[in-house]
PDB file of all heavy atoms in Angstrom:
ATOM      1  N   CYS A   1      54.227  76.544 146.004  1.00  0.00           N
ATOM      2  CA  CYS A   1      53.855  77.066 147.322  1.00  0.00           C
ATOM      3  C   CYS A   1      52.396  76.756 147.655  1.00  0.00           C
ATOM      4  O   CYS A   1      51.586  76.467 146.774  1.00  0.00           O
ATOM      5  CB  CYS A   1      54.087  78.575 147.368  1.00  0.00           C
ATOM      6  SG  CYS A   1      55.778  79.064 146.955  1.00  0.00           S
ATOM      7  N   PHE A   2      52.081  76.857 148.934  1.00  0.00           N
ATOM      8  CA  PHE A   2      50.692  76.710 149.354  1.00  0.00           C
ATOM      9  C   PHE A   2      50.466  77.465 150.659  1.00  0.00           C
ATOM     10  O   PHE A   2      51.404  77.753 151.405  1.00  0.00           O
ATOM     11  CB  PHE A   2      50.280  75.237 149.505  1.00  0.00           C
ATOM     12  CG  PHE A   2      51.076  74.440 150.500  1.00  0.00           C
ATOM     13  CD1 PHE A   2      50.653  74.314 151.827  1.00  0.00           C
ATOM     14  CD2 PHE A   2      52.233  73.763 150.123  1.00  0.00           C
ATOM     15  CE1 PHE A   2      51.363  73.549 152.746  1.00  0.00           C
ATOM     16  CE2 PHE A   2      52.945  72.990 151.027  1.00  0.00           C
ATOM     17  CZ  PHE A   2      52.521  72.884 152.338  1.00  0.00           C
ATOM     18  N   ALA A   3      49.204  77.793 150.889  1.00  0.00           N
ATOM     19  CA  ALA A   3      48.802  78.467 152.123  1.00  0.00           C
ATOM     20  C   ALA A   3      48.082  77.466 153.024  1.00  0.00           C
ATOM     21  O   ALA A   3      47.429  76.535 152.548  1.00  0.00           O
ATOM     22  CB  ALA A   3      47.884  79.648 151.812  1.00  0.00           C
ATOM     23  N   MET A   4      48.215  77.673 154.347  1.00  0.00           N
ATOM     24  CA  MET A   4      47.508  76.801 155.292  1.00  0.00           C
ATOM     25  C   MET A   4      47.234  77.570 156.581  1.00  0.00           C
ATOM     26  O   MET A   4      47.911  78.550 156.907  1.00  0.00           O
ATOM     27  CB  MET A   4      48.325  75.546 155.586  1.00  0.00           C
ATOM     28  CG  MET A   4      49.648  75.783 156.271  1.00  0.00           C
ATOM     29  SD  MET A   4      50.572  74.221 156.536  1.00  0.00           S
ATOM     30  CE  MET A   4      51.968  74.835 157.492  1.00  0.00           C
ATOM     31  N   ASP A   5      46.205  77.125 157.280  1.00  0.00           N
ATOM     32  CA  ASP A   5      45.955  77.628 158.628  1.00  0.00           C
ATOM     33  C   ASP A   5      45.988  76.441 159.589  1.00  0.00           C
ATOM     34  O   ASP A   5      46.298  75.315 159.185  1.00  0.00           O
ATOM     35  CB  ASP A   5      44.658  78.435 158.715  1.00  0.00           C
ATOM     36  CG  ASP A   5      43.403  77.654 158.333  1.00  0.00           C
ATOM     37  OD1 ASP A   5      43.486  76.409 158.153  1.00  0.00           O
ATOM     38  OD2 ASP A   5      42.333  78.267 158.219  1.00  0.00           O
ATOM     39  N   TYR A   6      45.676  76.688 160.859  1.00  0.00           N
ATOM     40  CA  TYR A   6      45.785  75.606 161.840  1.00  0.00           C
ATOM     41  C   TYR A   6      44.672  75.731 162.873  1.00  0.00           C
ATOM     42  O   TYR A   6      44.516  76.755 163.529  1.00  0.00           O
ATOM     43  CB  TYR A   6      47.133  75.650 162.559  1.00  0.00           C
ATOM     44  CG  TYR A   6      47.297  74.549 163.582  1.00  0.00           C
ATOM     45  CD1 TYR A   6      47.301  73.222 163.185  1.00  0.00           C
ATOM     46  CD2 TYR A   6      47.427  74.853 164.937  1.00  0.00           C
ATOM     47  CE1 TYR A   6      47.443  72.200 164.115  1.00  0.00           C
ATOM     48  CE2 TYR A   6      47.575  73.830 165.873  1.00  0.00           C
ATOM     49  CZ  TYR A   6      47.577  72.513 165.459  1.00  0.00           C
ATOM     50  OH  TYR A   6      47.700  71.507 166.385  1.00  0.00           O
ATOM     51  N   LEU A   7      43.892  74.655 162.982  1.00  0.00           N
ATOM     52  CA  LEU A   7      42.816  74.571 163.963  1.00  0.00           C
ATOM     53  C   LEU A   7      43.080  73.371 164.867  1.00  0.00           C
ATOM     54  O   LEU A   7      42.844  72.223 164.483  1.00  0.00           O
ATOM     55  CB  LEU A   7      41.462  74.429 163.270  1.00  0.00           C
ATOM     56  CG  LEU A   7      41.082  75.550 162.279  1.00  0.00           C
ATOM     57  CD1 LEU A   7      39.712  75.279 161.685  1.00  0.00           C
ATOM     58  CD2 LEU A   7      41.118  76.912 162.945  1.00  0.00           C
ATOM     59  N   GLU A   8      43.616  73.635 166.049  1.00  0.00           N
ATOM     60  CA  GLU A   8      43.931  72.574 167.002  1.00  0.00           C
ATOM     61  C   GLU A   8      42.664  71.787 167.341  1.00  0.00           C
ATOM     62  O   GLU A   8      41.590  72.350 167.572  1.00  0.00           O
ATOM     63  CB  GLU A   8      44.516  73.174 168.278  1.00  0.00           C
ATOM     64  CG  GLU A   8      44.886  72.173 169.343  1.00  0.00           C
ATOM     65  CD  GLU A   8      46.038  71.277 168.946  1.00  0.00           C
ATOM     66  OE1 GLU A   8      47.065  71.796 168.480  1.00  0.00           O
ATOM     67  OE2 GLU A   8      45.896  70.034 169.096  1.00  0.00           O
ATOM     68  N   GLY A   9      42.776  70.449 167.351  1.00  0.00           N
ATOM     69  CA  GLY A   9      41.648  69.581 167.659  1.00  0.00           C
ATOM     70  C   GLY A   9      40.854  69.147 166.449  1.00  0.00           C
ATOM     71  O   GLY A   9      40.030  68.227 166.550  1.00  0.00           O
ATOM     72  N   GLU A  10      41.072  69.771 165.306  1.00  0.00           N
ATOM     73  CA  GLU A  10      40.398  69.374 164.067  1.00  0.00           C
ATOM     74  C   GLU A  10      41.307  68.404 163.294  1.00  0.00           C
ATOM     75  O   GLU A  10      42.502  68.258 163.596  1.00  0.00           O
ATOM     76  CB  GLU A  10      40.086  70.601 163.211  1.00  0.00           C
ATOM     77  CG  GLU A  10      39.225  71.638 163.891  1.00  0.00           C
ATOM     78  CD  GLU A  10      37.762  71.239 163.924  1.00  0.00           C
ATOM     79  OE1 GLU A  10      37.381  70.295 163.198  1.00  0.00           O
ATOM     80  OE2 GLU A  10      36.988  71.871 164.673  1.00  0.00           O
ATOM     81  N   ASP A  11      40.744  67.790 162.263  1.00  0.00           N
ATOM     82  CA  ASP A  11      41.507  66.849 161.449  1.00  0.00           C
ATOM     83  C   ASP A  11      41.231  67.118 159.971  1.00  0.00           C
ATOM     84  O   ASP A  11      40.153  66.845 159.465  1.00  0.00           O
ATOM     85  CB  ASP A  11      41.145  65.406 161.787  1.00  0.00           C
ATOM     86  CG  ASP A  11      42.078  64.388 161.110  1.00  0.00           C
ATOM     87  OD1 ASP A  11      42.826  64.785 160.198  1.00  0.00           O
ATOM     88  OD2 ASP A  11      42.044  63.210 161.502  1.00  0.00           O
ATOM     89  N   PHE A  12      42.236  67.693 159.304  1.00  0.00           N
ATOM     90  CA  PHE A  12      42.127  68.001 157.878  1.00  0.00           C
ATOM     91  C   PHE A  12      43.158  67.208 157.069  1.00  0.00           C
ATOM     92  O   PHE A  12      43.587  67.643 156.005  1.00  0.00           O
ATOM     93  CB  PHE A  12      42.334  69.505 157.651  1.00  0.00           C
ATOM     94  CG  PHE A  12      41.346  70.372 158.376  1.00  0.00           C
ATOM     95  CD1 PHE A  12      41.713  71.038 159.538  1.00  0.00           C
ATOM     96  CD2 PHE A  12      40.053  70.509 157.909  1.00  0.00           C
ATOM     97  CE1 PHE A  12      40.805  71.841 160.223  1.00  0.00           C
ATOM     98  CE2 PHE A  12      39.139  71.308 158.576  1.00  0.00           C
ATOM     99  CZ  PHE A  12      39.510  71.967 159.736  1.00  0.00           C
ATOM    100  N   THR A  13      43.541  66.053 157.571  1.00  0.00           N
ATOM    101  CA  THR A  13      44.591  65.275 156.921  1.00  0.00           C
ATOM    102  C   THR A  13      44.198  64.916 155.490  1.00  0.00           C
ATOM    103  O   THR A  13      43.111  64.387 155.243  1.00  0.00           O
ATOM    104  CB  THR A  13      44.870  63.988 157.709  1.00  0.00           C
ATOM    105  OG1 THR A  13      45.205  64.333 159.059  1.00  0.00           O
ATOM    106  CG2 THR A  13      46.020  63.211 157.091  1.00  0.00           C
ATOM    107  N   ILE A  14      45.098  65.228 154.563  1.00  0.00           N
ATOM    108  CA  ILE A  14      44.845  64.935 153.161  1.00  0.00           C
ATOM    109  C   ILE A  14      45.146  63.466 152.874  1.00  0.00           C
ATOM    110  O   ILE A  14      45.730  62.759 153.693  1.00  0.00           O
ATOM    111  CB  ILE A  14      45.710  65.836 152.244  1.00  0.00           C
ATOM    112  CG1 ILE A  14      47.202  65.552 152.470  1.00  0.00           C
ATOM    113  CG2 ILE A  14      45.394  67.309 152.473  1.00  0.00           C
ATOM    114  CD1 ILE A  14      48.118  66.246 151.463  1.00  0.00           C
ATOM    115  N   SER A  15      44.762  63.008 151.696  1.00  0.00           N
ATOM    116  CA  SER A  15      45.109  61.647 151.274  1.00  0.00           C
ATOM    117  C   SER A  15      46.626  61.552 151.104  1.00  0.00           C
ATOM    118  O   SER A  15      47.276  62.514 150.708  1.00  0.00           O
ATOM    119  CB  SER A  15      44.412  61.295 149.964  1.00  0.00           C
ATOM    120  OG  SER A  15      43.016  61.358 150.112  1.00  0.00           O
ATOM    121  N   LYS A  16      47.145  60.392 151.396  1.00  0.00           N
ATOM    122  CA  LYS A  16      48.583  60.192 151.277  1.00  0.00           C
ATOM    123  C   LYS A  16      49.031  60.400 149.825  1.00  0.00           C
ATOM    124  O   LYS A  16      48.531  59.744 148.915  1.00  0.00           O
ATOM    125  CB  LYS A  16      48.942  58.782 151.734  1.00  0.00           C
ATOM    126  CG  LYS A  16      50.421  58.477 151.699  1.00  0.00           C
ATOM    127  CD  LYS A  16      50.680  57.052 152.177  1.00  0.00           C
ATOM    128  CE  LYS A  16      52.148  56.669 152.059  1.00  0.00           C
ATOM    129  NZ  LYS A  16      52.390  55.283 152.508  1.00  0.00           N
ATOM    130  N   PRO A  17      49.944  61.339 149.577  1.00  0.00           N
ATOM    131  CA  PRO A  17      50.401  61.574 148.200  1.00  0.00           C
ATOM    132  C   PRO A  17      51.097  60.343 147.619  1.00  0.00           C
ATOM    133  O   PRO A  17      51.729  59.554 148.327  1.00  0.00           O
ATOM    134  CB  PRO A  17      51.381  62.742 148.349  1.00  0.00           C
ATOM    135  CG  PRO A  17      50.986  63.416 149.626  1.00  0.00           C
ATOM    136  CD  PRO A  17      50.511  62.308 150.524  1.00  0.00           C
ATOM    137  N   ALA A  18      51.022  60.230 146.316  1.00  0.00           N
ATOM    138  CA  ALA A  18      51.572  59.050 145.641  1.00  0.00           C
ATOM    139  C   ALA A  18      53.061  58.891 145.884  1.00  0.00           C
ATOM    140  O   ALA A  18      53.566  57.767 146.008  1.00  0.00           O
ATOM    141  CB  ALA A  18      51.277  59.141 144.144  1.00  0.00           C
ATOM    142  N   ALA A  19      53.773  60.014 145.951  1.00  0.00           N
ATOM    143  CA  ALA A  19      55.239  59.939 146.094  1.00  0.00           C
ATOM    144  C   ALA A  19      55.689  60.096 147.542  1.00  0.00           C
ATOM    145  O   ALA A  19      56.889  60.292 147.785  1.00  0.00           O
ATOM    146  CB  ALA A  19      55.888  61.020 145.223  1.00  0.00           C
ATOM    147  N   TYR A  20      54.773  59.986 148.487  1.00  0.00           N
ATOM    148  CA  TYR A  20      55.129  60.276 149.873  1.00  0.00           C
ATOM    149  C   TYR A  20      56.242  59.368 150.402  1.00  0.00           C
ATOM    150  O   TYR A  20      57.179  59.843 151.062  1.00  0.00           O
ATOM    151  CB  TYR A  20      53.905  60.148 150.778  1.00  0.00           C
ATOM    152  CG  TYR A  20      54.228  60.446 152.228  1.00  0.00           C
ATOM    153  CD1 TYR A  20      54.508  61.741 152.647  1.00  0.00           C
ATOM    154  CD2 TYR A  20      54.284  59.425 153.178  1.00  0.00           C
ATOM    155  CE1 TYR A  20      54.826  62.022 153.966  1.00  0.00           C
ATOM    156  CE2 TYR A  20      54.599  59.684 154.505  1.00  0.00           C
ATOM    157  CZ  TYR A  20      54.860  60.994 154.891  1.00  0.00           C
ATOM    158  OH  TYR A  20      55.190  61.267 156.198  1.00  0.00           O
ATOM    159  N   ASP A  21      56.174  58.106 150.121  1.00  0.00           N
ATOM    160  CA  ASP A  21      57.183  57.182 150.656  1.00  0.00           C
ATOM    161  C   ASP A  21      58.581  57.542 150.144  1.00  0.00           C
ATOM    162  O   ASP A  21      59.575  57.419 150.875  1.00  0.00           O
ATOM    163  CB  ASP A  21      56.838  55.742 150.295  1.00  0.00           C
ATOM    164  CG  ASP A  21      55.621  55.228 151.053  1.00  0.00           C
ATOM    165  OD1 ASP A  21      55.308  55.791 152.119  1.00  0.00           O
ATOM    166  OD2 ASP A  21      54.964  54.291 150.559  1.00  0.00           O
ATOM    167  N   PHE A  22      58.650  57.998 148.894  1.00  0.00           N
ATOM    168  CA  PHE A  22      59.945  58.433 148.361  1.00  0.00           C
ATOM    169  C   PHE A  22      60.451  59.658 149.116  1.00  0.00           C
ATOM    170  O   PHE A  22      61.591  59.692 149.590  1.00  0.00           O
ATOM    171  CB  PHE A  22      59.833  58.744 146.870  1.00  0.00           C
ATOM    172  CG  PHE A  22      61.037  59.450 146.314  1.00  0.00           C
ATOM    173  CD1 PHE A  22      62.177  58.745 145.972  1.00  0.00           C
ATOM    174  CD2 PHE A  22      61.036  60.833 146.145  1.00  0.00           C
ATOM    175  CE1 PHE A  22      63.304  59.398 145.475  1.00  0.00           C
ATOM    176  CE2 PHE A  22      62.153  61.497 145.654  1.00  0.00           C
ATOM    177  CZ  PHE A  22      63.288  60.779 145.313  1.00  0.00           C
ATOM    178  N   TRP A  23      59.592  60.665 149.229  1.00  0.00           N
ATOM    179  CA  TRP A  23      60.042  61.910 149.857  1.00  0.00           C
ATOM    180  C   TRP A  23      60.305  61.719 151.351  1.00  0.00           C
ATOM    181  O   TRP A  23      61.160  62.395 151.918  1.00  0.00           O
ATOM    182  CB  TRP A  23      59.018  63.016 149.629  1.00  0.00           C
ATOM    183  CG  TRP A  23      59.009  63.516 148.214  1.00  0.00           C
ATOM    184  CD1 TRP A  23      58.012  63.403 147.298  1.00  0.00           C
ATOM    185  CD2 TRP A  23      60.091  64.187 147.545  1.00  0.00           C
ATOM    186  NE1 TRP A  23      58.378  63.958 146.108  1.00  0.00           N
ATOM    187  CE2 TRP A  23      59.651  64.450 146.236  1.00  0.00           C
ATOM    188  CE3 TRP A  23      61.365  64.581 147.931  1.00  0.00           C
ATOM    189  CZ2 TRP A  23      60.449  65.103 145.303  1.00  0.00           C
ATOM    190  CZ3 TRP A  23      62.172  65.230 147.001  1.00  0.00           C
ATOM    191  CH2 TRP A  23      61.713  65.492 145.708  1.00  0.00           C
ATOM    192  N   ARG A  24      59.620  60.820 151.968  1.00  0.00           N
ATOM    193  CA  ARG A  24      59.811  60.570 153.402  1.00  0.00           C
ATOM    194  C   ARG A  24      61.230  60.089 153.691  1.00  0.00           C
ATOM    195  O   ARG A  24      61.788  60.378 154.760  1.00  0.00           O
ATOM    196  CB  ARG A  24      58.793  59.531 153.873  1.00  0.00           C
ATOM    197  CG  ARG A  24      58.798  59.249 155.372  1.00  0.00           C
ATOM    198  CD  ARG A  24      57.677  58.279 155.706  1.00  0.00           C
ATOM    199  NE  ARG A  24      57.611  58.002 157.125  1.00  0.00           N
ATOM    200  CZ  ARG A  24      58.301  57.046 157.742  1.00  0.00           C
ATOM    201  NH1 ARG A  24      59.128  56.285 157.044  1.00  0.00           N
ATOM    202  NH2 ARG A  24      58.171  56.854 159.051  1.00  0.00           N
ATOM    203  N   GLU A  25      61.840  59.392 152.741  1.00  0.00           N
ATOM    204  CA  GLU A  25      63.176  58.844 152.936  1.00  0.00           C
ATOM    205  C   GLU A  25      64.264  59.647 152.222  1.00  0.00           C
ATOM    206  O   GLU A  25      65.452  59.427 152.463  1.00  0.00           O
ATOM    207  CB  GLU A  25      63.222  57.392 152.444  1.00  0.00           C
ATOM    208  CG  GLU A  25      62.263  56.467 153.172  1.00  0.00           C
ATOM    209  CD  GLU A  25      62.503  56.453 154.674  1.00  0.00           C
ATOM    210  OE1 GLU A  25      63.693  56.499 155.091  1.00  0.00           O
ATOM    211  OE2 GLU A  25      61.519  56.413 155.440  1.00  0.00           O
ATOM    212  N   TYR A  26      63.879  60.565 151.361  1.00  0.00           N
ATOM    213  CA  TYR A  26      64.854  61.235 150.507  1.00  0.00           C
ATOM    214  C   TYR A  26      65.741  62.193 151.297  1.00  0.00           C
ATOM    215  O   TYR A  26      65.267  62.965 152.131  1.00  0.00           O
ATOM    216  CB  TYR A  26      64.144  62.011 149.398  1.00  0.00           C
ATOM    217  CG  TYR A  26      65.082  62.862 148.567  1.00  0.00           C
ATOM    218  CD1 TYR A  26      65.910  62.281 147.606  1.00  0.00           C
ATOM    219  CD2 TYR A  26      65.154  64.233 148.758  1.00  0.00           C
ATOM    220  CE1 TYR A  26      66.781  63.055 146.853  1.00  0.00           C
ATOM    221  CE2 TYR A  26      66.027  65.018 148.008  1.00  0.00           C
ATOM    222  CZ  TYR A  26      66.835  64.425 147.053  1.00  0.00           C
ATOM    223  OH  TYR A  26      67.691  65.198 146.319  1.00  0.00           O
TER     224      TYR A  26
END
């Protein structure tokens, strides 16, 4: 699990996870 908040207009994009391409299609 993880916690997050949201600030419209800001950019907190994390680095692309190593397994992202797999999970994107799974």
